[in-house]
Amino acid sequence: MVPGTRTVRPYHYLTYGVADVFGAGSMAVIAGWILFFYSTFCGLTTVQASGIFAIARLLDAVWSPLLGHISDSIGATRLGRRFGRRRVFLLCAVPLLPSFALMWVSGHTYLYYLCTYVFFELTYASVLVPYSALAPEMTDDYQQLSKFAGVRLICAQVSAILAGILPNLIINVLGGKDSADTFLYMGIAFSALFMVVVWITHQFSWEREATAPTAATAPATVPGILGNLFHNVISTLRIRAFRLHLGMYLGGYISQDIFNAVFTYFVVFVLAGNVALASAQMGAMAFAQLIAVICFIPLILRLQPAPAFRLASIIYIVGIVGLACLYVLHPTSLTTLLYIPVLIAGFGRGGLNFIPWNIYNYIAEVDEIVTAERRPGVFSGVMVITRKTTMAAAVMTVGWILGLSGFVPGAASQSALANETITIVLVAGPIILLLMGIAISFRFRLTQQTHAVLLREIARFKRGESTPPSDEDRQILQDLTGWPFEQLWGKNPVRTSSQRAPGIEVANR
């Protein structure tokens, strides 16, 4: 148990996890619907929409890592000691969350959609960066962290179900099939929900006791924080387990981003369906993802993360191949048969959604044994900016490819070339990225057993013990960190000079 934390009660898993209704729910809505909304109801070309995503990413490339670094450093300030390093960001963001609804108003200019999208993306980072670093503040127990990640992803999948089925429900209740108002009502409903869940997490979470500031602590001033930002962000990539984790994370998530960006087009144009059918299928897929997360919570403890990742990837690939078969065979009972590959793909996606965030909770210990400090905020910032950047890149790439294929925004049907391009992107893009993630997973060896070795060796370092570990433990530490044992615990260039503890001599490498 982390010193200074409270006992984790069963309800704490839920009150922590509900905030990802905002994190995953907003991204599910944006990934699944924003390009379709912009091109169909706002008069934007796919190139213009891509420009919005690119500008937002440029700003966020600074904003998310900066937030992570600030949330790690602010604990030494009066503000941080009073309101906390992580939770203060959640509280401040609550009144800003209605900005989500502003993105879904049709009939405005390009500048309007640019500003509303950028503002919401920056607000999103202000919540998700500190939130993702919150679970390691509450406990360091392997199984408790796994449960935190599992419940978080269950809540995320519930929100993904809403993102998939809510447009269809709004159409059925209010009418206006294929109307822009459907998306506005959806945005308003989600905005209200987002405010509630973020507030709940703020109220029922806590943080470990802040370390008392010392002369060796990095200066808690704006220049001091900014001065170490670039080094800290780059330094995360010098942790071997995190590099491999990031590769698996990108393989699993970018494959889904590409799929989400083009799936609505596939149903509406290639399969001659409509928005209501696409919404129903996305809801069914999200339901399968929810079931998968529930199944993978105990499964990942039995199989360990890397094998579980490979299993989920293979299931997802089978579902994608099933969708390709529907395109080739053109069955008459399309609506019924479509559910089969969609549910299979959804089950694989659920595992892929859960596994990387389960792994992330243990990265802080790998970093700690390298740097002799805890920096979950920096890693959270890198994770969030990577997630959002790759999602935007996926949507931009899909829009660019569709534009080259002759796709006509707002048209009732598309050319044969455009439909073939949509299908190729839906099938080939995700499978290539999944295979990349599978290849990387064979080198990833962070498990419950190796994590126990990490905690044991961290405790030894803190006690000042000089006896070297066993050869087996030494190899485990070097494999996870990518550093020789003699250079662990701050004796390396990963740690910034202003943050090195007294008496630690950094070895040249």
Protein backbone atom coordinates (compact mmCIF):
# COMPACT_ATOMS: atom_id res chain seq x y z
CA MET A 1 0.00 0.00 0.00
CA VAL A 2 1.30 3.44 -0.90
CA PRO A 3 2.25 5.44 2.21
CA GLY A 4 -0.34 8.08 3.03
CA THR A 5 -3.15 6.58 0.94
CA ARG A 6 -6.53 5.39 2.16
CA THR A 7 -8.01 1.92 2.07
CA VAL A 8 -9.46 1.15 -1.34
CA ARG A 9 -13.14 0.25 -0.98
CA PRO A 10 -15.15 -1.53 -3.71
CA TYR A 11 -17.07 1.65 -4.59
CA HIS A 12 -13.80 3.53 -5.16
CA TYR A 13 -13.17 1.48 -8.30
CA LEU A 14 -16.44 2.77 -9.76
CA THR A 15 -16.09 6.38 -8.62
CA TYR A 16 -12.61 6.44 -10.15
CA GLY A 17 -13.61 4.68 -13.36
CA VAL A 18 -16.64 6.81 -14.24
CA ALA A 19 -14.45 9.72 -15.34
CA ASP A 20 -13.48 7.68 -18.40
CA VAL A 21 -17.09 7.97 -19.52
CA PHE A 22 -15.81 11.40 -20.47
CA GLY A 23 -12.38 10.30 -21.67
CA ALA A 24 -13.44 7.40 -23.88
CA GLY A 25 -16.96 8.61 -24.61
CA SER A 26 -15.92 11.90 -26.13
CA MET A 27 -13.21 10.24 -28.22
CA ALA A 28 -15.65 7.54 -29.39
CA VAL A 29 -18.13 10.18 -30.54
CA ILE A 30 -15.45 12.25 -32.26
CA ALA A 31 -13.75 9.28 -33.92
CA GLY A 32 -17.02 7.76 -35.09
CA TRP A 33 -19.00 10.81 -36.14
CA ILE A 34 -17.07 14.08 -36.44
CA LEU A 35 -15.73 13.59 -39.98
CA PHE A 36 -19.15 12.42 -41.15
CA PHE A 37 -20.82 15.41 -39.42
CA TYR A 38 -18.39 17.95 -40.87
CA SER A 39 -18.62 16.61 -44.42
CA THR A 40 -22.38 15.97 -44.43
CA PHE A 41 -23.92 18.83 -42.41
CA CYS A 42 -21.32 21.60 -42.19
CA GLY A 43 -20.22 21.90 -45.82
CA LEU A 44 -16.59 21.19 -45.02
CA THR A 45 -14.42 19.20 -47.39
CA THR A 46 -12.37 16.32 -46.05
CA VAL A 47 -9.26 18.49 -46.53
CA GLN A 48 -10.74 21.30 -44.42
CA ALA A 49 -11.73 18.86 -41.69
CA SER A 50 -8.22 17.41 -41.75
CA GLY A 51 -6.83 20.92 -41.28
CA ILE A 52 -8.86 21.33 -38.09
CA PHE A 53 -7.42 18.12 -36.66
CA ALA A 54 -3.87 19.10 -37.65
CA ILE A 55 -4.03 22.53 -35.98
CA ALA A 56 -5.49 21.03 -32.81
CA ARG A 57 -2.67 18.49 -32.67
CA LEU A 58 0.03 21.14 -33.04
CA LEU A 59 -1.33 23.01 -30.03
CA ASP A 60 -1.92 19.85 -28.04
CA ALA A 61 1.61 18.64 -28.73
CA VAL A 62 2.72 21.30 -26.24
CA TRP A 63 -0.34 21.40 -24.00
CA SER A 64 -0.65 17.73 -22.93
CA PRO A 65 3.02 17.15 -22.00
CA LEU A 66 3.05 20.53 -20.25
CA LEU A 67 0.02 19.53 -18.18
CA GLY A 68 1.66 16.26 -17.23
CA HIS A 69 4.85 17.98 -16.17
CA ILE A 70 2.96 20.64 -14.21
CA SER A 71 0.85 18.03 -12.41
CA ASP A 72 4.04 16.22 -11.35
CA SER A 73 5.73 19.44 -10.22
CA ILE A 74 2.89 21.47 -8.73
CA GLY A 75 2.85 19.40 -5.54
CA ALA A 76 5.73 21.50 -4.21
CA THR A 77 3.74 24.73 -4.58
CA ARG A 78 1.21 26.20 -2.16
CA LEU A 79 -1.58 25.54 -4.68
CA GLY A 80 -0.57 21.91 -5.08
CA ARG A 81 -0.27 21.29 -1.35
CA ARG A 82 -3.75 22.69 -0.78
CA PHE A 83 -5.73 21.27 -3.71
CA GLY A 84 -3.60 18.33 -4.89
CA ARG A 85 -1.49 17.70 -7.98
CA ARG A 86 -4.11 15.85 -10.03
CA ARG A 87 -7.60 16.46 -8.64
CA VAL A 88 -7.47 20.25 -8.89
CA PHE A 89 -7.44 19.95 -12.70
CA LEU A 90 -10.58 17.80 -12.66
CA LEU A 91 -12.47 20.32 -10.56
CA CYS A 92 -11.45 23.31 -12.69
CA ALA A 93 -12.47 21.53 -15.92
CA VAL A 94 -16.07 20.71 -14.90
CA PRO A 95 -17.60 24.07 -15.98
CA LEU A 96 -15.73 23.88 -19.31
CA LEU A 97 -17.14 20.52 -20.42
CA PRO A 98 -20.30 21.91 -22.13
CA SER A 99 -17.90 23.03 -24.86
CA PHE A 100 -18.39 19.51 -26.27
CA ALA A 101 -21.92 20.41 -27.40
CA LEU A 102 -20.72 23.51 -29.26
CA MET A 103 -18.88 21.35 -31.81
CA TRP A 104 -22.15 19.82 -33.04
CA VAL A 105 -23.95 22.97 -34.22
CA SER A 106 -24.40 23.02 -37.99
CA GLY A 107 -24.45 26.03 -40.31
CA HIS A 108 -21.34 27.88 -39.13
CA THR A 109 -18.03 28.85 -40.68
CA TYR A 110 -14.78 26.95 -40.82
CA LEU A 111 -13.35 29.24 -38.13
CA TYR A 112 -16.20 28.34 -35.77
CA TYR A 113 -15.54 24.61 -36.11
CA LEU A 114 -11.80 25.14 -35.73
CA CYS A 115 -12.17 27.13 -32.51
CA THR A 116 -14.76 24.86 -30.89
CA TYR A 117 -12.77 21.72 -31.72
CA VAL A 118 -9.47 23.13 -30.45
CA PHE A 119 -11.02 24.46 -27.24
CA PHE A 120 -12.62 21.12 -26.41
CA GLU A 121 -9.43 19.19 -27.18
CA LEU A 122 -7.44 21.36 -24.76
CA THR A 123 -10.15 20.93 -22.13
CA TYR A 124 -10.06 17.18 -22.71
CA ALA A 125 -6.33 17.07 -22.05
CA SER A 126 -6.79 19.13 -18.88
CA VAL A 127 -8.88 16.27 -17.48
CA LEU A 128 -7.32 13.14 -18.98
CA VAL A 129 -3.66 13.89 -18.29
CA PRO A 130 -4.00 14.26 -14.49
CA TYR A 131 -6.78 11.65 -14.36
CA SER A 132 -4.63 8.99 -16.00
CA ALA A 133 -1.96 9.61 -13.35
CA LEU A 134 -4.44 9.35 -10.47
CA ALA A 135 -4.69 5.56 -9.95
CA PRO A 136 -0.96 5.14 -9.11
CA GLU A 137 -1.49 7.90 -6.51
CA MET A 138 -4.20 5.83 -4.80
CA THR A 139 -2.37 2.47 -4.61
CA ASP A 140 0.64 0.53 -5.88
CA ASP A 141 -0.93 -2.92 -5.40
CA TYR A 142 -0.78 -4.88 -8.70
CA GLN A 143 -4.27 -6.39 -8.46
CA GLN A 144 -5.89 -3.18 -7.23
CA LEU A 145 -4.34 -1.26 -10.10
CA SER A 146 -5.63 -3.92 -12.49
CA LYS A 147 -9.13 -3.52 -11.03
CA PHE A 148 -8.92 0.27 -11.33
CA ALA A 149 -7.98 -0.10 -14.99
CA GLY A 150 -10.67 -2.72 -15.56
CA VAL A 151 -13.53 -0.73 -14.05
CA ARG A 152 -12.28 2.37 -15.86
CA LEU A 153 -12.47 0.53 -19.18
CA ILE A 154 -15.89 -0.92 -18.36
CA CYS A 155 -17.14 2.63 -17.84
CA ALA A 156 -15.39 3.64 -21.05
CA GLN A 157 -17.18 0.91 -23.00
CA VAL A 158 -20.55 1.95 -21.56
CA SER A 159 -19.90 5.42 -22.93
CA ALA A 160 -18.86 3.92 -26.27
CA ILE A 161 -22.20 2.10 -26.38
CA LEU A 162 -23.95 5.43 -25.85
CA ALA A 163 -21.81 7.01 -28.56
CA GLY A 164 -22.92 4.30 -30.95
CA ILE A 165 -26.64 4.05 -30.19
CA LEU A 166 -27.57 7.57 -29.03
CA PRO A 167 -27.96 9.01 -32.56
CA ASN A 168 -30.32 6.16 -33.41
CA LEU A 169 -32.31 6.67 -30.18
CA ILE A 170 -32.61 10.40 -30.87
CA ILE A 171 -33.82 9.66 -34.40
CA ASN A 172 -36.43 7.22 -33.09
CA VAL A 173 -37.69 9.58 -30.37
CA LEU A 174 -37.50 12.97 -32.06
CA GLY A 175 -37.61 12.04 -35.73
CA GLY A 176 -35.53 13.96 -38.24
CA LYS A 177 -33.75 11.00 -39.80
CA ASP A 178 -30.28 11.97 -41.01
CA SER A 179 -30.68 15.47 -39.51
CA ALA A 180 -27.92 17.63 -38.06
CA ASP A 181 -30.06 18.19 -34.95
CA THR A 182 -29.47 14.55 -34.03
CA PHE A 183 -25.82 15.32 -33.37
CA LEU A 184 -26.55 18.54 -31.47
CA TYR A 185 -28.89 16.72 -29.07
CA MET A 186 -26.27 14.04 -28.68
CA GLY A 187 -23.63 16.67 -27.83
CA ILE A 188 -25.87 18.28 -25.20
CA ALA A 189 -26.66 14.94 -23.56
CA PHE A 190 -23.03 13.93 -23.41
CA SER A 191 -21.94 17.34 -22.07
CA ALA A 192 -24.26 17.00 -19.07
CA LEU A 193 -23.07 13.45 -18.44
CA PHE A 194 -19.40 14.46 -18.68
CA MET A 195 -19.81 17.15 -16.01
CA VAL A 196 -21.39 14.69 -13.58
CA VAL A 197 -18.82 11.89 -13.92
CA VAL A 198 -15.74 14.14 -13.67
CA TRP A 199 -17.16 15.76 -10.53
CA ILE A 200 -17.81 12.32 -8.98
CA THR A 201 -14.21 11.22 -9.57
CA HIS A 202 -12.91 14.43 -8.02
CA GLN A 203 -15.04 13.94 -4.92
CA PHE A 204 -14.16 10.31 -4.22
CA SER A 205 -10.47 10.08 -5.19
CA TRP A 206 -7.31 10.99 -3.29
CA GLU A 207 -3.57 11.38 -3.75
CA ARG A 208 -0.51 10.08 -1.94
CA GLU A 209 1.11 12.44 0.51
CA ALA A 210 3.35 14.93 -1.26
CA THR A 211 7.05 14.66 -0.62
CA ALA A 212 8.34 17.58 1.39
CA PRO A 213 10.26 19.98 -0.87
CA THR A 214 14.05 19.95 -0.51
CA ALA A 215 16.90 21.96 -1.87
CA ALA A 216 17.38 19.31 -4.54
CA THR A 217 13.83 19.48 -5.76
CA ALA A 218 13.24 21.15 -9.10
CA PRO A 219 12.14 24.76 -8.67
CA ALA A 220 8.35 25.01 -8.56
CA THR A 221 8.25 28.11 -10.72
CA VAL A 222 6.98 28.54 -14.25
CA PRO A 223 10.50 28.94 -15.71
CA GLY A 224 11.67 25.89 -13.74
CA ILE A 225 8.74 23.78 -14.91
CA LEU A 226 9.10 24.84 -18.54
CA GLY A 227 12.85 24.36 -18.42
CA ASN A 228 12.52 20.64 -17.65
CA LEU A 229 9.50 19.94 -19.86
CA PHE A 230 11.29 18.89 -23.04
CA HIS A 231 13.79 16.69 -21.22
CA ASN A 232 11.08 14.92 -19.24
CA VAL A 233 8.93 14.18 -22.28
CA ILE A 234 11.85 12.78 -24.27
CA SER A 235 13.11 10.87 -21.25
CA THR A 236 9.96 8.71 -21.16
CA LEU A 237 11.16 7.07 -24.37
CA ARG A 238 14.37 6.02 -22.61
CA ILE A 239 12.38 3.55 -20.50
CA ARG A 240 12.31 0.30 -22.48
CA ALA A 241 9.03 -1.05 -21.07
CA PHE A 242 7.30 2.22 -21.94
CA ARG A 243 8.62 2.21 -25.50
CA LEU A 244 7.29 -1.30 -26.07
CA HIS A 245 4.03 -0.46 -24.32
CA LEU A 246 3.63 2.59 -26.55
CA GLY A 247 4.14 0.43 -29.65
CA MET A 248 1.41 -2.01 -28.56
CA TYR A 249 -0.83 0.88 -27.56
CA LEU A 250 -0.48 2.53 -30.96
CA GLY A 251 -1.05 -0.72 -32.83
CA GLY A 252 -4.26 -1.42 -30.93
CA TYR A 253 -5.68 2.09 -30.85
CA ILE A 254 -4.74 3.50 -34.28
CA SER A 255 -6.25 0.40 -35.87
CA GLN A 256 -9.50 1.31 -34.14
CA ASP A 257 -9.24 4.99 -35.07
CA ILE A 258 -8.96 4.13 -38.77
CA PHE A 259 -11.82 1.65 -38.48
CA ASN A 260 -14.04 4.17 -36.64
CA ALA A 261 -13.33 6.96 -39.11
CA VAL A 262 -14.41 4.92 -42.13
CA PHE A 263 -17.00 2.49 -40.68
CA THR A 264 -19.97 4.86 -41.02
CA TYR A 265 -19.06 5.46 -44.67
CA PHE A 266 -18.77 1.69 -45.17
CA VAL A 267 -22.28 1.07 -43.84
CA VAL A 268 -23.95 4.08 -45.47
CA PHE A 269 -22.33 3.98 -48.92
CA VAL A 270 -20.69 0.59 -49.52
CA LEU A 271 -23.48 -1.47 -47.94
CA ALA A 272 -26.22 1.02 -48.93
CA GLY A 273 -27.40 1.51 -45.35
CA ASN A 274 -28.06 4.73 -43.41
CA VAL A 275 -27.01 6.61 -40.28
CA ALA A 276 -29.50 4.71 -38.11
CA LEU A 277 -28.03 1.34 -39.22
CA ALA A 278 -24.48 2.58 -38.67
CA SER A 279 -25.47 3.83 -35.21
CA ALA A 280 -27.02 0.47 -34.31
CA GLN A 281 -23.93 -1.41 -35.46
CA MET A 282 -21.59 0.88 -33.50
CA GLY A 283 -23.76 0.33 -30.43
CA ALA A 284 -23.58 -3.45 -30.89
CA MET A 285 -19.82 -3.25 -31.30
CA ALA A 286 -19.49 -1.17 -28.15
CA PHE A 287 -21.64 -3.69 -26.25
CA ALA A 288 -19.28 -6.48 -27.33
CA GLN A 289 -16.35 -4.33 -26.18
CA LEU A 290 -17.98 -3.99 -22.75
CA ILE A 291 -18.35 -7.77 -22.43
CA ALA A 292 -14.74 -8.19 -23.56
CA VAL A 293 -13.39 -5.85 -20.88
CA ILE A 294 -15.26 -7.81 -18.21
CA CYS A 295 -13.75 -11.02 -19.57
CA PHE A 296 -10.22 -9.65 -19.93
CA ILE A 297 -9.98 -8.36 -16.33
CA PRO A 298 -9.37 -11.88 -14.93
CA LEU A 299 -7.91 -13.14 -18.21
CA ILE A 300 -5.02 -10.71 -18.20
CA LEU A 301 -4.00 -11.88 -14.72
CA ARG A 302 -3.94 -15.46 -16.00
CA LEU A 303 -2.38 -14.93 -19.44
CA GLN A 304 -0.34 -11.79 -18.57
CA PRO A 305 -0.49 -8.61 -20.71
CA ALA A 306 1.45 -9.52 -23.89
CA PRO A 307 -0.30 -12.86 -24.65
CA ALA A 308 -3.66 -11.26 -23.85
CA PHE A 309 -2.85 -8.47 -26.32
CA ARG A 310 -2.11 -11.00 -29.06
CA LEU A 311 -5.37 -12.86 -28.40
CA ALA A 312 -7.43 -9.66 -28.58
CA SER A 313 -5.67 -8.59 -31.81
CA ILE A 314 -6.38 -11.91 -33.53
CA ILE A 315 -10.08 -11.77 -32.58
CA TYR A 316 -10.30 -8.22 -33.97
CA ILE A 317 -8.65 -9.29 -37.22
CA VAL A 318 -11.18 -12.13 -37.62
CA GLY A 319 -14.02 -9.61 -37.31
CA ILE A 320 -12.48 -7.28 -39.88
CA VAL A 321 -12.02 -10.14 -42.35
CA GLY A 322 -15.70 -10.98 -41.80
CA LEU A 323 -16.69 -7.46 -42.88
CA ALA A 324 -14.56 -7.85 -46.00
CA CYS A 325 -16.44 -11.08 -46.79
CA LEU A 326 -19.76 -9.21 -46.63
CA TYR A 327 -18.46 -6.73 -49.19
CA VAL A 328 -17.40 -9.53 -51.52
CA LEU A 329 -20.49 -11.73 -51.14
CA HIS A 330 -23.19 -8.99 -51.03
CA PRO A 331 -25.69 -11.07 -49.02
CA THR A 332 -29.38 -10.21 -49.19
CA SER A 333 -29.98 -10.43 -45.41
CA LEU A 334 -27.34 -7.76 -44.78
CA THR A 335 -28.63 -6.29 -41.51
CA THR A 336 -28.69 -9.64 -39.68
CA LEU A 337 -25.37 -10.94 -40.99
CA LEU A 338 -23.62 -7.64 -40.31
CA TYR A 339 -23.94 -8.20 -36.57
CA ILE A 340 -21.72 -11.30 -36.66
CA PRO A 341 -18.41 -9.70 -37.74
CA VAL A 342 -19.28 -6.50 -35.87
CA LEU A 343 -19.68 -8.38 -32.57
CA ILE A 344 -16.50 -10.40 -33.15
CA ALA A 345 -14.53 -7.25 -33.98
CA GLY A 346 -16.03 -5.52 -30.94
CA PHE A 347 -14.90 -8.28 -28.60
CA GLY A 348 -11.32 -8.00 -29.85
CA ARG A 349 -11.43 -4.22 -29.61
CA GLY A 350 -12.59 -4.41 -26.00
CA GLY A 351 -9.49 -6.38 -25.05
CA LEU A 352 -7.27 -3.95 -26.94
CA ASN A 353 -8.87 -1.00 -25.16
CA PHE A 354 -8.30 -2.50 -21.71
CA ILE A 355 -4.82 -3.99 -21.95
CA PRO A 356 -2.70 -0.84 -22.63
CA TRP A 357 -4.31 1.14 -19.80
CA ASN A 358 -3.91 -1.83 -17.51
CA ILE A 359 -0.19 -1.88 -18.35
CA TYR A 360 0.16 1.90 -17.97
CA ASN A 361 -0.60 1.73 -14.23
CA TYR A 362 2.64 -0.20 -13.67
CA ILE A 363 4.95 1.97 -15.78
CA ALA A 364 5.44 4.39 -12.87
CA GLU A 365 7.39 1.74 -10.96
CA VAL A 366 9.63 0.98 -13.95
CA ASP A 367 10.40 4.68 -14.25
CA GLU A 368 10.89 5.08 -10.50
CA ILE A 369 13.64 2.48 -10.32
CA VAL A 370 15.44 4.31 -13.14
CA THR A 371 15.02 7.89 -11.91
CA ALA A 372 14.41 7.48 -8.13
CA GLU A 373 11.31 9.65 -8.47
CA ARG A 374 7.66 9.20 -9.45
CA ARG A 375 6.57 10.91 -12.69
CA PRO A 376 3.20 9.38 -13.68
CA GLY A 377 1.98 12.79 -14.86
CA VAL A 378 4.67 13.04 -17.53
CA PHE A 379 3.87 9.54 -18.82
CA SER A 380 0.17 10.34 -18.76
CA GLY A 381 0.81 13.47 -20.81
CA VAL A 382 2.77 11.49 -23.40
CA MET A 383 0.03 8.84 -23.52
CA VAL A 384 -2.75 11.39 -24.02
CA ILE A 385 -0.95 13.41 -26.68
CA THR A 386 0.03 10.19 -28.46
CA ARG A 387 -3.55 8.98 -28.35
CA LYS A 388 -5.03 12.23 -29.60
CA THR A 389 -2.33 12.84 -32.20
CA THR A 390 -2.66 9.38 -33.70
CA MET A 391 -6.45 9.57 -33.67
CA ALA A 392 -6.35 12.88 -35.50
CA ALA A 393 -3.73 11.53 -37.91
CA ALA A 394 -5.92 8.51 -38.62
CA VAL A 395 -8.98 10.67 -39.31
CA MET A 396 -6.90 13.07 -41.42
CA THR A 397 -5.42 10.22 -43.44
CA VAL A 398 -8.83 8.68 -44.04
CA GLY A 399 -10.18 12.05 -45.17
CA TRP A 400 -7.21 12.60 -47.49
CA ILE A 401 -7.51 9.13 -49.04
CA LEU A 402 -11.25 9.51 -49.52
CA GLY A 403 -10.68 12.85 -51.22
CA LEU A 404 -8.23 11.27 -53.65
CA SER A 405 -10.74 8.51 -54.44
CA GLY A 406 -13.33 11.00 -55.65
CA PHE A 407 -15.51 10.95 -52.54
CA VAL A 408 -18.20 13.67 -52.78
CA PRO A 409 -19.25 15.20 -49.41
CA GLY A 410 -23.03 15.31 -48.90
CA ALA A 411 -23.81 13.05 -51.87
CA ALA A 412 -26.47 10.33 -51.55
CA SER A 413 -24.16 7.76 -53.15
CA GLN A 414 -20.52 7.44 -54.14
CA SER A 415 -18.58 6.14 -57.12
CA ALA A 416 -17.38 2.54 -57.37
CA LEU A 417 -13.78 3.73 -56.84
CA ALA A 418 -14.73 5.60 -53.67
CA ASN A 419 -16.58 2.56 -52.30
CA GLU A 420 -13.64 0.27 -53.04
CA THR A 421 -11.28 2.71 -51.34
CA ILE A 422 -13.50 2.84 -48.25
CA THR A 423 -13.42 -0.96 -48.02
CA ILE A 424 -9.66 -1.21 -48.49
CA VAL A 425 -9.03 1.39 -45.77
CA LEU A 426 -11.45 -0.39 -43.41
CA VAL A 427 -9.72 -3.75 -43.84
CA ALA A 428 -6.05 -3.19 -44.67
CA GLY A 429 -5.27 -0.24 -42.39
CA PRO A 430 -6.29 -1.84 -39.08
CA ILE A 431 -4.82 -5.25 -39.89
CA ILE A 432 -1.38 -3.81 -40.73
CA LEU A 433 -1.25 -1.90 -37.44
CA LEU A 434 -2.47 -4.88 -35.43
CA LEU A 435 0.28 -7.05 -36.87
CA MET A 436 2.80 -4.39 -35.84
CA GLY A 437 1.48 -4.45 -32.28
CA ILE A 438 1.60 -8.25 -32.18
CA ALA A 439 5.25 -8.26 -33.27
CA ILE A 440 6.19 -5.75 -30.55
CA SER A 441 4.30 -7.69 -27.87
CA PHE A 442 6.73 -10.61 -28.08
CA ARG A 443 9.42 -8.36 -26.55
CA PHE A 444 7.25 -7.01 -23.70
CA ARG A 445 7.80 -8.83 -20.38
CA LEU A 446 6.11 -6.74 -17.68
CA THR A 447 4.01 -9.23 -15.70
CA GLN A 448 2.67 -9.62 -12.18
CA GLN A 449 5.84 -11.52 -11.26
CA THR A 450 8.29 -9.01 -12.72
CA HIS A 451 6.31 -6.14 -11.18
CA ALA A 452 6.77 -7.79 -7.76
CA VAL A 453 10.54 -7.81 -8.40
CA LEU A 454 10.35 -4.09 -9.23
CA LEU A 455 8.60 -3.23 -5.97
CA ARG A 456 11.02 -5.33 -3.97
CA GLU A 457 14.08 -3.69 -5.52
CA ILE A 458 12.62 -0.19 -5.15
CA ALA A 459 12.13 -0.89 -1.45
CA ARG A 460 15.77 -2.07 -1.22
CA PHE A 461 17.03 1.09 -2.91
CA LYS A 462 14.99 3.24 -0.52
CA ARG A 463 16.51 1.45 2.46
CA GLY A 464 19.96 2.13 1.04
CA GLU A 465 20.92 -1.53 0.71
CA SER A 466 24.02 -2.09 -1.40
CA THR A 467 23.82 -5.87 -1.82
CA PRO A 468 23.28 -6.64 -5.52
CA PRO A 469 20.17 -8.66 -6.48
CA SER A 470 20.23 -12.18 -7.82
CA ASP A 471 21.27 -12.67 -11.43
CA GLU A 472 17.66 -13.43 -12.36
CA ASP A 473 16.31 -10.26 -10.74
CA ARG A 474 19.13 -8.20 -12.27
CA GLN A 475 18.17 -9.47 -15.74
CA ILE A 476 14.50 -8.68 -15.11
CA LEU A 477 15.29 -5.11 -14.09
CA GLN A 478 17.60 -4.54 -17.06
CA ASP A 479 15.04 -6.01 -19.48
CA LEU A 480 12.23 -3.78 -18.18
CA THR A 481 14.23 -0.57 -17.89
CA GLY A 482 16.73 -0.91 -20.74
CA TRP A 483 19.50 0.23 -18.36
CA PRO A 484 22.36 -1.66 -16.62
CA PHE A 485 21.63 -2.33 -12.97
CA GLU A 486 24.58 -0.15 -11.91
CA GLN A 487 22.92 2.88 -13.53
CA LEU A 488 19.52 2.53 -11.88
CA TRP A 489 18.12 4.72 -9.10
CA GLY A 490 19.10 8.05 -10.59
CA LYS A 491 22.61 7.13 -11.74
CA ASN A 492 21.82 7.91 -15.39
CA PRO A 493 21.03 10.85 -17.69
CA VAL A 494 17.26 10.14 -17.66
CA ARG A 495 16.84 12.29 -14.60
CA THR A 496 17.23 16.05 -15.06
CA SER A 497 20.16 17.67 -13.30
CA SER A 498 17.89 19.94 -11.26
CA GLN A 499 16.01 16.93 -9.94
CA ARG A 500 18.92 14.72 -8.85
CA ALA A 501 19.03 13.91 -5.22
CA PRO A 502 22.07 14.95 -3.22
CA GLY A 503 24.95 12.53 -3.41
CA ILE A 504 23.84 10.83 -6.62
CA GLU A 505 26.48 10.86 -9.31
CA VAL A 506 25.10 10.37 -12.77
CA ALA A 507 27.11 8.03 -14.93
CA ASN A 508 27.88 8.87 -18.51
CA ARG A 509 26.34 6.53 -21.02
